[in-house]
N, C-alpha and C. Protein backbone atom coordinates (compact mmCIF):
# COMPACT_ATOMS: atom_id res chain seq x y z
N MET A 1 -35.14 16.27 -131.84
CA MET A 1 -34.68 16.11 -133.21
C MET A 1 -33.26 15.54 -133.20
N HIS A 2 -32.91 14.92 -134.32
CA HIS A 2 -31.61 14.28 -134.47
C HIS A 2 -30.93 14.80 -135.73
N LEU A 3 -29.61 14.70 -135.77
CA LEU A 3 -28.87 15.13 -136.96
C LEU A 3 -29.20 14.21 -138.12
N ASP A 4 -29.42 14.80 -139.28
CA ASP A 4 -29.71 14.02 -140.48
C ASP A 4 -28.41 13.44 -141.02
N PHE A 5 -28.52 12.35 -141.73
CA PHE A 5 -27.36 11.68 -142.32
C PHE A 5 -27.60 11.49 -143.79
N PRO A 6 -26.67 11.75 -144.66
CA PRO A 6 -25.36 12.33 -144.34
C PRO A 6 -25.51 13.77 -143.89
N CYS A 7 -24.56 14.21 -143.12
CA CYS A 7 -24.60 15.56 -142.54
C CYS A 7 -24.66 16.60 -143.66
N HIS A 8 -25.59 17.54 -143.53
CA HIS A 8 -25.73 18.63 -144.51
C HIS A 8 -26.43 19.80 -143.85
N PHE A 9 -26.56 20.88 -144.59
CA PHE A 9 -27.22 22.07 -144.07
C PHE A 9 -28.63 22.16 -144.61
N ASP A 10 -29.54 22.68 -143.80
CA ASP A 10 -30.92 22.84 -144.25
C ASP A 10 -31.10 24.20 -144.93
N HIS A 11 -32.33 24.54 -145.27
CA HIS A 11 -32.62 25.77 -146.00
C HIS A 11 -32.30 27.03 -145.19
N ARG A 12 -32.13 26.88 -143.87
CA ARG A 12 -31.79 28.02 -143.02
C ARG A 12 -30.29 28.19 -142.85
N GLY A 13 -29.53 27.25 -143.40
CA GLY A 13 -28.08 27.29 -143.24
C GLY A 13 -27.61 26.63 -141.96
N ARG A 14 -28.49 25.92 -141.29
CA ARG A 14 -28.16 25.21 -140.06
C ARG A 14 -27.96 23.73 -140.36
N THR A 15 -27.36 23.04 -139.43
CA THR A 15 -27.19 21.60 -139.58
C THR A 15 -28.57 20.96 -139.65
N ALA A 16 -28.80 20.15 -140.69
CA ALA A 16 -30.12 19.55 -140.91
C ALA A 16 -30.44 18.53 -139.82
N GLU A 17 -31.71 18.54 -139.43
CA GLU A 17 -32.22 17.62 -138.43
C GLU A 17 -33.27 16.71 -139.06
N CYS A 18 -33.58 15.63 -138.38
CA CYS A 18 -34.60 14.71 -138.88
C CYS A 18 -35.38 14.13 -137.71
N SER A 19 -36.47 13.46 -138.04
CA SER A 19 -37.30 12.81 -137.03
C SER A 19 -36.59 11.58 -136.45
N TYR A 20 -37.11 11.08 -135.35
CA TYR A 20 -36.54 9.89 -134.73
C TYR A 20 -36.62 8.69 -135.67
N GLU A 21 -37.73 8.55 -136.39
CA GLU A 21 -37.90 7.43 -137.32
C GLU A 21 -36.84 7.48 -138.43
N LYS A 22 -36.60 8.67 -138.98
CA LYS A 22 -35.59 8.80 -140.03
C LYS A 22 -34.19 8.59 -139.45
N HIS A 23 -33.98 9.02 -138.22
CA HIS A 23 -32.69 8.82 -137.56
C HIS A 23 -32.38 7.32 -137.45
N ILE A 24 -33.38 6.53 -137.07
CA ILE A 24 -33.19 5.08 -136.97
C ILE A 24 -32.86 4.50 -138.35
N ARG A 25 -33.57 4.94 -139.39
CA ARG A 25 -33.29 4.49 -140.76
C ARG A 25 -31.86 4.84 -141.14
N ASN A 26 -31.42 6.05 -140.78
CA ASN A 26 -30.05 6.47 -141.08
C ASN A 26 -29.03 5.59 -140.37
N LEU A 27 -29.33 5.22 -139.13
CA LEU A 27 -28.42 4.33 -138.39
C LEU A 27 -28.32 2.97 -139.06
N ILE A 28 -29.45 2.44 -139.53
CA ILE A 28 -29.44 1.16 -140.24
C ILE A 28 -28.55 1.26 -141.48
N GLU A 29 -28.71 2.33 -142.23
CA GLU A 29 -27.89 2.53 -143.43
C GLU A 29 -26.40 2.58 -143.09
N GLN A 30 -26.07 3.24 -141.99
CA GLN A 30 -24.67 3.33 -141.59
C GLN A 30 -24.11 1.96 -141.24
N VAL A 31 -24.89 1.15 -140.53
CA VAL A 31 -24.43 -0.20 -140.18
C VAL A 31 -24.24 -1.03 -141.45
N LEU A 32 -25.19 -0.95 -142.36
CA LEU A 32 -25.13 -1.78 -143.57
C LEU A 32 -23.93 -1.44 -144.45
N PHE A 33 -23.67 -0.16 -144.66
CA PHE A 33 -22.69 0.24 -145.66
C PHE A 33 -21.37 0.76 -145.09
N THR A 34 -21.11 0.44 -143.83
CA THR A 34 -19.80 0.71 -143.25
C THR A 34 -19.06 -0.62 -143.16
N SER A 35 -17.84 -0.63 -143.62
CA SER A 35 -17.03 -1.84 -143.55
C SER A 35 -16.30 -1.90 -142.22
N PRO A 36 -16.23 -3.09 -141.59
CA PRO A 36 -15.45 -3.20 -140.36
C PRO A 36 -14.02 -2.72 -140.60
N GLY A 37 -13.52 -1.94 -139.64
CA GLY A 37 -12.19 -1.36 -139.77
C GLY A 37 -12.22 0.06 -140.32
N GLU A 38 -13.35 0.50 -140.82
CA GLU A 38 -13.47 1.83 -141.41
C GLU A 38 -13.52 2.93 -140.34
N ARG A 39 -14.05 2.65 -139.17
CA ARG A 39 -14.16 3.63 -138.09
C ARG A 39 -13.04 3.39 -137.08
N VAL A 40 -12.30 4.44 -136.81
CA VAL A 40 -11.11 4.33 -135.97
C VAL A 40 -11.41 3.81 -134.57
N ASN A 41 -12.36 4.40 -133.89
CA ASN A 41 -12.63 4.02 -132.51
C ASN A 41 -13.62 2.86 -132.36
N ARG A 42 -14.15 2.39 -133.46
CA ARG A 42 -15.06 1.23 -133.45
C ARG A 42 -14.66 0.30 -134.59
N PRO A 43 -13.56 -0.40 -134.45
CA PRO A 43 -13.04 -1.20 -135.58
C PRO A 43 -13.95 -2.35 -136.00
N THR A 44 -14.87 -2.78 -135.16
CA THR A 44 -15.76 -3.88 -135.55
C THR A 44 -17.11 -3.39 -136.03
N PHE A 45 -17.33 -2.07 -136.04
CA PHE A 45 -18.62 -1.51 -136.47
C PHE A 45 -18.83 -1.75 -137.96
N GLY A 46 -20.05 -2.11 -138.34
CA GLY A 46 -20.40 -2.30 -139.74
C GLY A 46 -20.79 -3.73 -140.02
N SER A 47 -21.07 -3.97 -141.30
CA SER A 47 -21.54 -5.31 -141.67
C SER A 47 -20.66 -6.00 -142.71
N GLY A 48 -19.82 -5.28 -143.41
CA GLY A 48 -19.01 -5.89 -144.45
C GLY A 48 -19.80 -6.21 -145.70
N LEU A 49 -20.98 -5.64 -145.81
CA LEU A 49 -21.89 -5.91 -146.93
C LEU A 49 -21.28 -5.55 -148.29
N LEU A 50 -20.58 -4.44 -148.35
CA LEU A 50 -20.05 -3.98 -149.63
C LEU A 50 -18.97 -4.90 -150.19
N GLN A 51 -18.32 -5.65 -149.34
CA GLN A 51 -17.31 -6.60 -149.79
C GLN A 51 -17.92 -7.71 -150.62
N LEU A 52 -19.21 -7.95 -150.44
CA LEU A 52 -19.88 -9.05 -151.14
C LEU A 52 -20.44 -8.63 -152.49
N LEU A 53 -20.36 -7.34 -152.80
CA LEU A 53 -20.98 -6.81 -154.01
C LEU A 53 -20.46 -7.46 -155.29
N PHE A 54 -19.18 -7.77 -155.35
CA PHE A 54 -18.60 -8.30 -156.58
C PHE A 54 -18.36 -9.81 -156.53
N LYS A 55 -18.90 -10.46 -155.53
CA LYS A 55 -18.80 -11.92 -155.46
C LYS A 55 -19.79 -12.55 -156.44
N PRO A 56 -19.50 -13.75 -156.93
CA PRO A 56 -20.45 -14.42 -157.82
C PRO A 56 -21.78 -14.67 -157.12
N ASN A 57 -22.85 -14.40 -157.81
CA ASN A 57 -24.18 -14.55 -157.23
C ASN A 57 -24.53 -16.02 -157.05
N SER A 58 -25.04 -16.36 -155.87
CA SER A 58 -25.45 -17.74 -155.60
C SER A 58 -26.40 -17.74 -154.41
N ASP A 59 -27.06 -18.88 -154.21
CA ASP A 59 -27.94 -19.03 -153.06
C ASP A 59 -27.15 -18.96 -151.75
N GLU A 60 -25.95 -19.52 -151.78
CA GLU A 60 -25.11 -19.50 -150.58
C GLU A 60 -24.71 -18.08 -150.22
N LEU A 61 -24.39 -17.28 -151.24
CA LEU A 61 -24.02 -15.88 -151.00
C LEU A 61 -25.20 -15.11 -150.43
N ALA A 62 -26.39 -15.34 -150.96
CA ALA A 62 -27.59 -14.66 -150.46
C ALA A 62 -27.84 -15.02 -149.00
N ALA A 63 -27.71 -16.29 -148.65
CA ALA A 63 -27.92 -16.72 -147.27
C ALA A 63 -26.86 -16.15 -146.34
N THR A 64 -25.62 -16.16 -146.78
CA THR A 64 -24.52 -15.60 -145.98
C THR A 64 -24.72 -14.11 -145.75
N THR A 65 -25.10 -13.41 -146.81
CA THR A 65 -25.31 -11.97 -146.71
C THR A 65 -26.46 -11.65 -145.77
N GLN A 66 -27.53 -12.39 -145.87
CA GLN A 66 -28.67 -12.18 -144.99
C GLN A 66 -28.28 -12.39 -143.53
N PHE A 67 -27.54 -13.45 -143.25
CA PHE A 67 -27.08 -13.72 -141.89
C PHE A 67 -26.16 -12.61 -141.40
N LEU A 68 -25.25 -12.17 -142.25
CA LEU A 68 -24.30 -11.11 -141.92
C LEU A 68 -25.02 -9.82 -141.56
N VAL A 69 -26.00 -9.44 -142.37
CA VAL A 69 -26.77 -8.21 -142.15
C VAL A 69 -27.58 -8.32 -140.87
N GLN A 70 -28.28 -9.42 -140.67
CA GLN A 70 -29.09 -9.59 -139.47
C GLN A 70 -28.25 -9.51 -138.21
N SER A 71 -27.12 -10.18 -138.20
CA SER A 71 -26.29 -10.18 -136.98
C SER A 71 -25.69 -8.81 -136.72
N ALA A 72 -25.28 -8.09 -137.77
CA ALA A 72 -24.73 -6.74 -137.57
C ALA A 72 -25.80 -5.79 -137.04
N LEU A 73 -27.01 -5.85 -137.59
CA LEU A 73 -28.08 -4.97 -137.12
C LEU A 73 -28.47 -5.29 -135.68
N GLN A 74 -28.52 -6.57 -135.34
CA GLN A 74 -28.86 -6.94 -133.97
C GLN A 74 -27.76 -6.52 -133.01
N GLN A 75 -26.51 -6.64 -133.42
CA GLN A 75 -25.40 -6.27 -132.56
C GLN A 75 -25.38 -4.77 -132.29
N TRP A 76 -25.50 -3.97 -133.34
CA TRP A 76 -25.31 -2.53 -133.21
C TRP A 76 -26.59 -1.75 -132.91
N LEU A 77 -27.75 -2.28 -133.28
CA LEU A 77 -28.99 -1.53 -133.09
C LEU A 77 -30.04 -2.31 -132.30
N GLY A 78 -29.66 -3.41 -131.71
CA GLY A 78 -30.59 -4.25 -130.98
C GLY A 78 -31.29 -3.55 -129.82
N ASN A 79 -30.70 -2.49 -129.30
CA ASN A 79 -31.34 -1.75 -128.22
C ASN A 79 -32.31 -0.69 -128.75
N LEU A 80 -32.36 -0.47 -130.08
CA LEU A 80 -33.24 0.53 -130.68
C LEU A 80 -34.35 -0.07 -131.54
N ILE A 81 -34.08 -1.23 -132.13
CA ILE A 81 -35.06 -1.85 -133.04
C ILE A 81 -35.22 -3.33 -132.73
N HIS A 82 -36.38 -3.85 -133.10
CA HIS A 82 -36.61 -5.30 -133.11
C HIS A 82 -36.64 -5.68 -134.59
N LEU A 83 -35.70 -6.49 -134.99
CA LEU A 83 -35.57 -6.89 -136.39
C LEU A 83 -36.60 -7.95 -136.74
N GLU A 84 -37.49 -7.63 -137.68
CA GLU A 84 -38.53 -8.56 -138.11
C GLU A 84 -38.04 -9.45 -139.24
N GLY A 85 -37.20 -8.90 -140.12
CA GLY A 85 -36.69 -9.69 -141.23
C GLY A 85 -35.81 -8.88 -142.15
N VAL A 86 -34.97 -9.59 -142.88
CA VAL A 86 -34.06 -8.96 -143.84
C VAL A 86 -34.13 -9.74 -145.14
N LEU A 87 -34.25 -9.03 -146.25
CA LEU A 87 -34.23 -9.65 -147.57
C LEU A 87 -33.09 -9.02 -148.35
N VAL A 88 -32.19 -9.86 -148.87
CA VAL A 88 -31.04 -9.37 -149.63
C VAL A 88 -31.17 -9.89 -151.05
N GLU A 89 -31.12 -8.96 -152.02
CA GLU A 89 -31.18 -9.33 -153.42
C GLU A 89 -29.94 -8.79 -154.13
N HIS A 90 -29.31 -9.64 -154.91
CA HIS A 90 -28.09 -9.29 -155.63
C HIS A 90 -28.33 -9.55 -157.10
N GLN A 91 -28.45 -8.47 -157.87
CA GLN A 91 -28.72 -8.62 -159.30
C GLN A 91 -27.71 -7.81 -160.09
N ASP A 92 -26.97 -8.49 -160.96
CA ASP A 92 -25.87 -7.88 -161.71
C ASP A 92 -24.93 -7.22 -160.70
N SER A 93 -24.73 -5.91 -160.80
CA SER A 93 -23.81 -5.24 -159.87
C SER A 93 -24.58 -4.37 -158.87
N THR A 94 -25.85 -4.70 -158.64
CA THR A 94 -26.65 -3.95 -157.68
C THR A 94 -27.08 -4.85 -156.53
N LEU A 95 -26.85 -4.36 -155.34
CA LEU A 95 -27.23 -5.08 -154.13
C LEU A 95 -28.37 -4.31 -153.47
N THR A 96 -29.48 -4.98 -153.21
CA THR A 96 -30.63 -4.35 -152.58
C THR A 96 -30.94 -5.08 -151.28
N VAL A 97 -31.05 -4.32 -150.20
CA VAL A 97 -31.35 -4.88 -148.89
C VAL A 97 -32.64 -4.26 -148.39
N THR A 98 -33.61 -5.10 -148.04
CA THR A 98 -34.87 -4.64 -147.47
C THR A 98 -34.92 -5.10 -146.02
N VAL A 99 -35.12 -4.15 -145.12
CA VAL A 99 -35.12 -4.43 -143.69
C VAL A 99 -36.50 -4.12 -143.12
N HIS A 100 -37.10 -5.10 -142.47
CA HIS A 100 -38.38 -4.93 -141.77
C HIS A 100 -38.06 -4.90 -140.28
N TYR A 101 -38.50 -3.84 -139.61
CA TYR A 101 -38.16 -3.70 -138.20
C TYR A 101 -39.24 -2.92 -137.45
N THR A 102 -39.19 -3.03 -136.13
CA THR A 102 -40.07 -2.27 -135.26
C THR A 102 -39.19 -1.39 -134.38
N ILE A 103 -39.50 -0.10 -134.32
CA ILE A 103 -38.78 0.82 -133.45
C ILE A 103 -39.25 0.58 -132.03
N LEU A 104 -38.34 0.24 -131.15
CA LEU A 104 -38.72 -0.14 -129.79
C LEU A 104 -39.36 1.01 -129.02
N ARG A 105 -38.87 2.22 -129.18
CA ARG A 105 -39.39 3.35 -128.41
C ARG A 105 -40.84 3.66 -128.77
N THR A 106 -41.20 3.56 -130.05
CA THR A 106 -42.53 3.95 -130.49
C THR A 106 -43.42 2.77 -130.87
N GLN A 107 -42.83 1.56 -130.97
CA GLN A 107 -43.53 0.36 -131.42
C GLN A 107 -44.07 0.51 -132.84
N GLN A 108 -43.45 1.38 -133.61
CA GLN A 108 -43.85 1.62 -134.99
C GLN A 108 -43.11 0.66 -135.92
N GLN A 109 -43.87 -0.04 -136.76
CA GLN A 109 -43.26 -0.96 -137.73
C GLN A 109 -42.82 -0.18 -138.95
N GLN A 110 -41.64 -0.51 -139.45
CA GLN A 110 -41.05 0.19 -140.59
C GLN A 110 -40.45 -0.81 -141.57
N THR A 111 -40.37 -0.38 -142.81
CA THR A 111 -39.64 -1.13 -143.84
C THR A 111 -38.74 -0.13 -144.54
N ALA A 112 -37.48 -0.49 -144.65
CA ALA A 112 -36.52 0.39 -145.32
C ALA A 112 -35.79 -0.42 -146.38
N GLN A 113 -35.59 0.19 -147.53
CA GLN A 113 -34.89 -0.49 -148.62
C GLN A 113 -33.67 0.34 -148.99
N PHE A 114 -32.55 -0.35 -149.17
CA PHE A 114 -31.28 0.29 -149.47
C PHE A 114 -30.66 -0.40 -150.68
N SER A 115 -30.07 0.37 -151.58
CA SER A 115 -29.43 -0.19 -152.76
C SER A 115 -28.06 0.43 -152.95
N ARG A 116 -27.15 -0.39 -153.43
CA ARG A 116 -25.82 0.08 -153.80
C ARG A 116 -25.42 -0.64 -155.07
N GLY A 117 -24.84 0.10 -155.97
CA GLY A 117 -24.33 -0.49 -157.21
C GLY A 117 -22.82 -0.43 -157.23
N GLY A 118 -22.25 -1.31 -158.04
CA GLY A 118 -20.79 -1.37 -158.08
C GLY A 118 -20.21 -0.67 -159.26
């Protein structure tokens, strides 16, 4: 078992745990929504995705965001997942990222969707 993210206590009052599949999803979320420079000992960790939330919506921004997300996930989680595809949608002040991936250890295909509003 792995620690659940965000860290919290379960119904027994112990640190909550999660399955390996959920742990991988949690790691993806951390990469997506951590800004580079936010972590002291890993200054390049993250994707910078949240910085794009208030930029004017355009095809160029969507393409840039997709490239940014794909490269960050491959850099930080390439030893855990095989990235099948990333879809980034920016509507009003909401950013939605859909990630299609295969967990390398189990060969299980997964799709995870993440949203953040401004």
